[in-house]
Each structure stands twice: as structure tokens, then as C-alpha cells.
Amino acid sequence: MITTLASKCTAAGAAGDSGARRTAFAAPIITPLVDLFSTWFERVRERRQLHTLDDHILKDIGLTRADVEYEVQKHFWMR
């Protein structure tokens, strides 16, 4: 019997081997990107929440309205 590349690929795919390789290859790329996007979304959410606080609460936590405005004006990728 002659073994071809196509039959080897089909056999490997049927055994589930190629899926594991794709996952192992994609994980180092995907995981940091998901973490990065999560951080960005968290920053946006926190800055919006900070912006909704009234001056009395801001005074309690040691911030001024100017501090909040400065923070809210930052882009989502900025710390």
C-alpha cells in the first residue's frame, strides 16, 4: 500500500492529533491577546465608574475632580 501525504494528514486529523498541535501553537498567541483586551476593557470600565462618583466620595478616597478628569481623558491603552 502506498502512503500519501493526504492519507497521513487524514489519519492524523482523525486521531485528533492536528487539533492538539493547533491549540498548542495558538495558545501562546491567543492567551496574551485575551489578557491584553481584558485589561483594556477593565480600564475603560473603571474610568467610567470613577467618572460617575460625586465630589464627596472622591474627597473620601483622596481624589479631586481634576484627578478624575485627567484619568478619564486617557486612552484605554494608557496606564
C-alpha atoms as a PDB file:
ATOM      1  CA  MET A   1       0.000   0.000   0.000  1.00  0.00           C
ATOM      2  CA  ILE A   2       1.294   3.436  -0.960  1.00  0.00           C
ATOM      3  CA  THR A   3       1.061   6.047   1.794  1.00  0.00           C
ATOM      4  CA  THR A   4       0.468   9.568   0.615  1.00  0.00           C
ATOM      5  CA  LEU A   5       0.750  12.840   2.420  1.00  0.00           C
ATOM      6  CA  ALA A   6      -3.005  13.287   2.164  1.00  0.00           C
ATOM      7  CA  SER A   7      -3.675   9.943   3.827  1.00  0.00           C
ATOM      8  CA  LYS A   8      -1.213  10.744   6.613  1.00  0.00           C
ATOM      9  CA  CYS A   9      -2.905  14.091   7.219  1.00  0.00           C
ATOM     10  CA  THR A  10      -6.327  12.456   7.218  1.00  0.00           C
ATOM     11  CA  ALA A  11      -5.175   9.787   9.662  1.00  0.00           C
ATOM     12  CA  ALA A  12      -3.607  12.385  11.961  1.00  0.00           C
ATOM     13  CA  GLY A  13      -6.745  14.509  11.818  1.00  0.00           C
ATOM     14  CA  ALA A  14      -8.945  11.523  12.599  1.00  0.00           C
ATOM     15  CA  ALA A  15      -6.793  10.743  15.615  1.00  0.00           C
ATOM     16  CA  GLY A  16      -7.214  14.282  16.892  1.00  0.00           C
ATOM     17  CA  ASP A  17      -3.513  14.986  16.592  1.00  0.00           C
ATOM     18  CA  SER A  18      -3.743  18.112  14.414  1.00  0.00           C
ATOM     19  CA  GLY A  19      -6.193  19.828  16.767  1.00  0.00           C
ATOM     20  CA  ALA A  20      -3.788  19.461  19.654  1.00  0.00           C
ATOM     21  CA  ARG A  21      -0.984  20.914  17.587  1.00  0.00           C
ATOM     22  CA  ARG A  22      -3.123  23.872  16.523  1.00  0.00           C
ATOM     23  CA  THR A  23      -4.129  24.545  20.124  1.00  0.00           C
ATOM     24  CA  ALA A  24      -0.533  24.321  21.314  1.00  0.00           C
ATOM     25  CA  PHE A  25       0.511  26.719  18.562  1.00  0.00           C
ATOM     26  CA  ALA A  26      -2.327  29.199  19.122  1.00  0.00           C
ATOM     27  CA  ALA A  27      -2.270  29.303  22.930  1.00  0.00           C
ATOM     28  CA  PRO A  28       0.948  31.365  23.250  1.00  0.00           C
ATOM     29  CA  ILE A  29      -0.523  33.896  20.829  1.00  0.00           C
ATOM     30  CA  ILE A  30      -4.160  33.961  21.888  1.00  0.00           C
ATOM     31  CA  THR A  31      -3.768  33.968  25.674  1.00  0.00           C
ATOM     32  CA  PRO A  32      -1.705  37.191  25.890  1.00  0.00           C
ATOM     33  CA  LEU A  33      -4.078  38.909  23.463  1.00  0.00           C
ATOM     34  CA  VAL A  34      -7.105  37.940  25.516  1.00  0.00           C
ATOM     35  CA  ASP A  35      -5.335  39.188  28.650  1.00  0.00           C
ATOM     36  CA  LEU A  36      -4.474  42.467  26.935  1.00  0.00           C
ATOM     37  CA  PHE A  37      -8.034  43.054  25.718  1.00  0.00           C
ATOM     38  CA  SER A  38      -9.382  42.190  29.167  1.00  0.00           C
ATOM     39  CA  THR A  39      -7.066  44.748  30.731  1.00  0.00           C
ATOM     40  CA  TRP A  40      -8.159  47.408  28.250  1.00  0.00           C
ATOM     41  CA  PHE A  41     -11.852  46.754  28.846  1.00  0.00           C
ATOM     42  CA  GLU A  42     -11.290  46.798  32.604  1.00  0.00           C
ATOM     43  CA  ARG A  43      -9.556  50.196  32.372  1.00  0.00           C
ATOM     44  CA  VAL A  44     -12.423  51.649  30.358  1.00  0.00           C
ATOM     45  CA  ARG A  45     -14.999  50.307  32.824  1.00  0.00           C
ATOM     46  CA  GLU A  46     -13.096  51.548  35.881  1.00  0.00           C
ATOM     47  CA  ARG A  47     -12.580  55.019  34.405  1.00  0.00           C
ATOM     48  CA  ARG A  48     -16.269  55.307  33.557  1.00  0.00           C
ATOM     49  CA  GLN A  49     -17.194  54.269  37.089  1.00  0.00           C
ATOM     50  CA  LEU A  50     -14.712  56.730  38.563  1.00  0.00           C
ATOM     51  CA  HIS A  51     -16.255  59.482  36.457  1.00  0.00           C
ATOM     52  CA  THR A  52     -19.694  58.801  37.969  1.00  0.00           C
ATOM     53  CA  LEU A  53     -18.569  59.328  41.576  1.00  0.00           C
ATOM     54  CA  ASP A  54     -19.631  62.560  43.248  1.00  0.00           C
ATOM     55  CA  ASP A  55     -17.202  65.026  44.822  1.00  0.00           C
ATOM     56  CA  HIS A  56     -17.943  63.851  48.368  1.00  0.00           C
ATOM     57  CA  ILE A  57     -16.901  60.276  47.552  1.00  0.00           C
ATOM     58  CA  LEU A  58     -13.858  61.496  45.631  1.00  0.00           C
ATOM     59  CA  LYS A  59     -12.777  63.528  48.659  1.00  0.00           C
ATOM     60  CA  ASP A  60     -13.126  60.407  50.823  1.00  0.00           C
ATOM     61  CA  ILE A  61     -10.756  58.466  48.584  1.00  0.00           C
ATOM     62  CA  GLY A  62      -8.319  61.361  48.235  1.00  0.00           C
ATOM     63  CA  LEU A  63      -9.052  62.434  44.667  1.00  0.00           C
ATOM     64  CA  THR A  64     -10.172  65.695  43.157  1.00  0.00           C
ATOM     65  CA  ARG A  65     -12.450  66.201  40.180  1.00  0.00           C
ATOM     66  CA  ALA A  66      -9.349  67.297  38.229  1.00  0.00           C
ATOM     67  CA  ASP A  67      -7.647  63.976  39.038  1.00  0.00           C
ATOM     68  CA  VAL A  68     -10.667  62.118  37.724  1.00  0.00           C
ATOM     69  CA  GLU A  69     -10.907  64.218  34.564  1.00  0.00           C
ATOM     70  CA  TYR A  70      -7.222  63.599  33.884  1.00  0.00           C
ATOM     71  CA  GLU A  71      -7.697  59.848  34.310  1.00  0.00           C
ATOM     72  CA  VAL A  72     -10.878  59.709  32.230  1.00  0.00           C
ATOM     73  CA  GLN A  73      -9.224  61.525  29.320  1.00  0.00           C
ATOM     74  CA  LYS A  74      -6.578  58.814  28.964  1.00  0.00           C
ATOM     75  CA  HIS A  75      -6.833  56.361  26.105  1.00  0.00           C
ATOM     76  CA  PHE A  76      -7.731  52.800  27.040  1.00  0.00           C
ATOM     77  CA  TRP A  77      -4.219  51.526  26.367  1.00  0.00           C
ATOM     78  CA  MET A  78      -2.615  54.080  28.691  1.00  0.00           C
ATOM     79  CA  ARG A  79      -1.909  53.181  32.306  1.00  0.00           C
END
